[in-house]
């Protein structure tokens, strides 16, 4: 049965909705005024911590690639780049632990904690819902997608523009870091083979920097779509990541 509902100036729940799979794969229609607990506290904490890490990593990563002008004077008094590198490395560790935790929580959390890790293209209903969601995202329809979790396009973006690039950045980042920590470090033990295989570390630097721009583009698009859907859909979006609850108010 379909897992997607749309509404167009009708009471909420006039079509089909997306919702939990498996035993909950029956049609699910949130009603106007209904609230659903979507994001658990660990997911919300991870989200905001992850957002802070991305900001720090992008800013410091850019400055590492395009360093500040050299200054004269006592080196100990001008340790700016040292602090920038430290912030980058510290944020990278937190980012890596956070991603690892997020994968773990997807195995024990509620349904909505894992719907960003895959998209069921093998389901005909999902592909149909994807096209409906695409029309909404392109402003080609006033039918508002109605569902508590991530929409089909959001799930694809999460996998293709966030999860995979994040894993790529972690692997290449620690591979580059292993050059500084030495052959006896755990970084070299797990990631040093990348440098040895690739040989030219400048290529790894370049790919790592391109990955940064992918993450930055994803972040900008993500913020735009969240704000837009919060305004146009009539369903809580931004507030849900603070309280955990999604409120369905109907079309505004």
Protein backbone atom coordinates (compact mmCIF):
# COMPACT_ATOMS: atom_id res chain seq x y z
CA UNK A 1 0.00 0.00 0.00
CA UNK A 2 1.18 3.56 -0.63
CA UNK A 3 3.22 5.31 2.01
CA UNK A 4 2.65 8.88 0.90
CA UNK A 5 -0.13 11.38 1.40
CA UNK A 6 -0.65 14.64 -0.37
CA UNK A 7 -3.10 17.39 0.33
CA UNK A 8 -4.36 20.29 -1.75
CA UNK A 9 -6.72 22.48 0.22
CA UNK A 10 -8.28 19.32 1.66
CA UNK A 11 -8.16 17.95 5.21
CA UNK A 12 -4.82 16.41 6.07
CA UNK A 13 -4.74 12.78 5.03
CA UNK A 14 -6.57 12.93 1.71
CA UNK A 15 -4.12 10.71 -0.12
CA UNK A 16 -1.28 8.35 0.79
CA UNK A 17 1.57 9.05 3.23
CA UNK A 18 5.09 7.82 3.87
CA UNK A 19 5.69 6.26 7.24
CA UNK A 20 7.24 3.31 9.10
CA UNK A 21 7.87 0.14 7.17
CA UNK A 22 7.39 -3.53 8.03
CA UNK A 23 4.49 -4.02 10.40
CA UNK A 24 3.54 -0.36 10.01
CA UNK A 25 3.44 -0.47 6.23
CA UNK A 26 -0.29 0.17 6.17
CA UNK A 27 -1.57 3.54 5.03
CA UNK A 28 -0.85 6.19 7.59
CA UNK A 29 -2.48 9.59 7.45
CA UNK A 30 -1.50 12.23 10.01
CA UNK A 31 -4.51 14.37 10.78
CA UNK A 32 -4.56 18.16 11.08
CA UNK A 33 -3.52 19.07 14.59
CA UNK A 34 -1.77 15.74 15.18
CA UNK A 35 1.76 15.53 16.56
CA UNK A 36 4.17 12.64 16.01
CA UNK A 37 7.40 12.02 17.91
CA UNK A 38 10.00 11.78 15.15
CA UNK A 39 13.49 12.69 16.31
CA UNK A 40 14.68 11.18 19.57
CA UNK A 41 16.94 13.20 21.89
CA UNK A 42 20.20 11.46 20.82
CA UNK A 43 19.40 12.19 17.17
CA UNK A 44 18.70 15.84 17.88
CA UNK A 45 21.88 16.20 19.91
CA UNK A 46 23.89 14.56 17.14
CA UNK A 47 22.31 16.81 14.52
CA UNK A 48 23.32 20.07 16.18
CA UNK A 49 26.75 18.82 17.22
CA UNK A 50 27.31 17.58 13.68
CA UNK A 51 26.24 20.96 12.28
CA UNK A 52 28.74 22.75 14.52
CA UNK A 53 31.51 20.36 13.45
CA UNK A 54 30.78 20.94 9.77
CA UNK A 55 31.00 24.71 10.22
CA UNK A 56 34.33 24.42 12.04
CA UNK A 57 35.71 21.89 9.55
CA UNK A 58 34.73 23.95 6.50
CA UNK A 59 36.16 27.22 7.85
CA UNK A 60 39.39 25.74 9.20
CA UNK A 61 39.78 23.40 6.22
CA UNK A 62 39.53 26.30 3.82
CA UNK A 63 42.15 28.25 5.77
CA UNK A 64 44.47 25.25 5.88
CA UNK A 65 44.28 25.06 2.08
CA UNK A 66 44.58 28.84 1.67
CA UNK A 67 46.70 29.90 4.68
CA UNK A 68 46.66 33.35 6.19
CA UNK A 69 49.51 35.71 5.17
CA UNK A 70 52.79 35.19 7.00
CA UNK A 71 53.61 37.64 9.76
CA UNK A 72 56.87 38.74 11.32
CA UNK A 73 57.75 38.46 14.97
CA UNK A 74 58.15 35.78 17.61
CA UNK A 75 56.56 32.51 16.32
CA UNK A 76 55.08 31.69 19.74
CA UNK A 77 53.07 34.91 19.55
CA UNK A 78 51.68 34.13 16.09
CA UNK A 79 50.40 30.60 16.48
CA UNK A 80 47.19 31.29 14.56
CA UNK A 81 47.59 28.51 12.00
CA UNK A 82 48.47 26.09 14.78
CA UNK A 83 45.19 26.87 16.52
CA UNK A 84 43.33 26.57 13.22
CA UNK A 85 44.82 23.13 12.56
CA UNK A 86 44.08 22.03 16.13
CA UNK A 87 40.42 23.10 15.76
CA UNK A 88 40.21 21.21 12.47
CA UNK A 89 41.67 18.01 13.91
CA UNK A 90 39.57 18.20 17.10
CA UNK A 91 36.37 18.76 15.12
CA UNK A 92 37.26 15.88 12.80
CA UNK A 93 37.51 13.48 15.74
CA UNK A 94 34.16 14.65 17.12
CA UNK A 95 32.61 14.43 13.64
CA UNK A 96 33.89 10.86 13.19
CA UNK A 97 32.66 9.72 16.59
CA UNK A 98 29.31 11.38 15.86
CA UNK A 99 28.87 9.60 12.53
CA UNK A 100 29.80 6.28 14.15
CA UNK A 101 27.28 6.89 16.92
CA UNK A 102 24.61 7.87 14.37
CA UNK A 103 25.05 4.55 12.54
CA UNK A 104 24.78 2.73 15.86
CA UNK A 105 21.66 4.61 16.92
CA UNK A 106 19.99 3.72 13.64
CA UNK A 107 20.09 0.08 14.79
CA UNK A 108 18.39 0.68 18.14
CA UNK A 109 16.37 3.87 17.64
CA UNK A 110 12.89 4.35 16.22
CA UNK A 111 12.00 4.03 12.54
CA UNK A 112 12.75 7.67 11.80
CA UNK A 113 16.29 7.30 13.14
CA UNK A 114 17.25 5.06 10.21
CA UNK A 115 15.21 6.32 7.25
CA UNK A 116 18.09 8.61 6.18
CA UNK A 117 20.45 5.67 5.64
CA UNK A 118 18.75 4.09 2.64
CA UNK A 119 16.04 4.61 0.05
CA UNK A 120 13.91 1.65 -1.13
CA UNK A 121 14.14 2.02 -4.91
CA UNK A 122 12.90 -1.55 -5.23
CA UNK A 123 9.46 -0.37 -4.16
CA UNK A 124 7.19 0.92 -6.89
CA UNK A 125 5.30 3.04 -4.37
CA UNK A 126 8.54 4.73 -3.32
CA UNK A 127 9.50 5.65 -6.90
CA UNK A 128 6.01 7.08 -7.46
CA UNK A 129 6.32 9.09 -4.27
CA UNK A 130 9.73 10.31 -5.40
CA UNK A 131 8.21 11.87 -8.53
CA UNK A 132 5.47 13.52 -6.46
CA UNK A 133 8.06 14.88 -4.08
CA UNK A 134 10.14 16.15 -7.00
CA UNK A 135 7.18 18.12 -8.34
CA UNK A 136 6.69 19.68 -4.90
CA UNK A 137 10.37 20.55 -4.56
CA UNK A 138 10.33 22.20 -8.01
CA UNK A 139 7.18 24.18 -7.12
CA UNK A 140 5.21 22.49 -9.90
CA UNK A 141 2.32 21.54 -7.63
CA UNK A 142 0.56 22.81 -4.52
CA UNK A 143 0.04 19.29 -3.20
CA UNK A 144 1.94 19.24 0.08
CA UNK A 145 3.79 16.00 0.88
CA UNK A 146 2.54 14.78 4.22
CA UNK A 147 4.69 12.46 6.27
CA UNK A 148 6.56 12.41 9.55
CA UNK A 149 9.95 11.19 8.33
CA UNK A 150 12.30 12.20 5.53
CA UNK A 151 10.76 12.54 2.10
CA UNK A 152 12.08 10.40 -0.81
CA UNK A 153 14.25 13.17 -2.28
CA UNK A 154 15.60 14.03 1.16
CA UNK A 155 16.58 10.41 1.71
CA UNK A 156 18.47 10.32 -1.60
CA UNK A 157 20.22 13.60 -0.75
CA UNK A 158 21.15 12.36 2.72
CA UNK A 159 22.81 9.26 1.29
CA UNK A 160 24.40 10.79 -1.80
CA UNK A 161 25.34 14.26 -0.56
CA UNK A 162 25.91 13.70 3.15
CA UNK A 163 26.60 10.12 4.26
CA UNK A 164 28.86 9.02 1.42
CA UNK A 165 30.79 12.33 1.27
CA UNK A 166 31.14 12.21 5.07
CA UNK A 167 32.69 8.76 4.94
CA UNK A 168 34.95 9.89 2.10
CA UNK A 169 36.09 12.92 4.08
CA UNK A 170 36.77 10.82 7.18
CA UNK A 171 38.85 8.28 5.25
CA UNK A 172 40.87 10.80 3.23
CA UNK A 173 41.24 13.15 6.19
CA UNK A 174 42.73 10.53 8.47
CA UNK A 175 44.89 9.27 5.62
CA UNK A 176 46.43 12.73 5.31
CA UNK A 177 46.71 13.04 9.08
CA UNK A 178 48.58 9.73 9.24
CA UNK A 179 51.50 11.39 7.47
CA UNK A 180 52.03 13.57 10.54
CA UNK A 181 51.33 10.97 13.22
CA UNK A 182 53.82 8.44 11.87
CA UNK A 183 53.84 4.77 10.95
CA UNK A 184 53.27 3.60 14.52
CA UNK A 185 49.98 5.48 14.89
CA UNK A 186 46.53 3.96 14.61
CA UNK A 187 45.76 6.50 11.89
CA UNK A 188 48.52 5.03 9.73
CA UNK A 189 47.49 1.48 10.61
CA UNK A 190 43.92 1.99 9.38
CA UNK A 191 44.30 4.72 6.74
CA UNK A 192 47.97 4.88 5.77
CA UNK A 193 47.44 2.38 2.98
CA UNK A 194 45.54 5.07 1.07
CA UNK A 195 48.62 7.28 0.92
CA UNK A 196 50.82 4.35 -0.06
CA UNK A 197 48.36 3.28 -2.75
CA UNK A 198 47.78 6.77 -4.16
CA UNK A 199 51.43 7.88 -3.86
CA UNK A 200 50.74 11.52 -4.75
CA UNK A 201 49.25 12.99 -1.57
CA UNK A 202 48.52 16.27 -3.32
CA UNK A 203 45.80 14.43 -5.24
CA UNK A 204 44.30 13.30 -1.93
CA UNK A 205 44.42 16.89 -0.68
CA UNK A 206 42.60 18.05 -3.81
CA UNK A 207 39.90 15.37 -3.53
CA UNK A 208 39.51 16.11 0.18
CA UNK A 209 39.01 19.77 -0.64
CA UNK A 210 36.45 18.97 -3.34
CA UNK A 211 34.61 16.89 -0.76
CA UNK A 212 34.50 19.97 1.45
CA UNK A 213 32.68 21.89 -1.28
CA UNK A 214 30.19 19.05 -1.73
CA UNK A 215 29.42 19.16 1.99
CA UNK A 216 29.10 22.95 1.87
CA UNK A 217 26.69 22.85 -1.08
CA UNK A 218 24.62 20.18 0.68
CA UNK A 219 24.45 22.31 3.82
CA UNK A 220 23.23 25.38 1.93
CA UNK A 221 20.57 23.39 0.05
CA UNK A 222 19.53 21.63 3.26
CA UNK A 223 19.00 24.90 5.13
CA UNK A 224 17.05 26.40 2.21
CA UNK A 225 14.74 23.39 1.85
CA UNK A 226 14.10 23.15 5.59
CA UNK A 227 13.16 26.82 5.87
CA UNK A 228 11.06 26.67 2.69
CA UNK A 229 9.13 23.57 3.76
CA UNK A 230 8.58 24.99 7.23
CA UNK A 231 6.94 28.03 5.65
CA UNK A 232 5.01 26.46 2.77
CA UNK A 233 3.95 23.04 4.01
CA UNK A 234 2.21 24.01 7.22
CA UNK A 235 4.02 21.18 9.02
CA UNK A 236 6.67 21.82 11.64
CA UNK A 237 10.17 21.18 10.28
CA UNK A 238 12.70 23.37 12.09
CA UNK A 239 10.96 23.06 15.44
CA UNK A 240 10.96 19.28 15.12
CA UNK A 241 14.74 19.21 15.40
CA UNK A 242 14.49 21.05 18.71
CA UNK A 243 11.53 19.30 20.34
CA UNK A 244 11.47 16.00 18.46
CA UNK A 245 7.76 16.38 17.70
CA UNK A 246 6.34 17.04 14.23
CA UNK A 247 3.09 19.00 14.17
CA UNK A 248 0.70 18.74 11.24
CA UNK A 249 -1.29 21.95 10.99
CA UNK A 250 -2.62 21.55 7.43
CA UNK A 251 -1.92 24.00 4.62
CA UNK A 252 -1.27 27.59 5.60
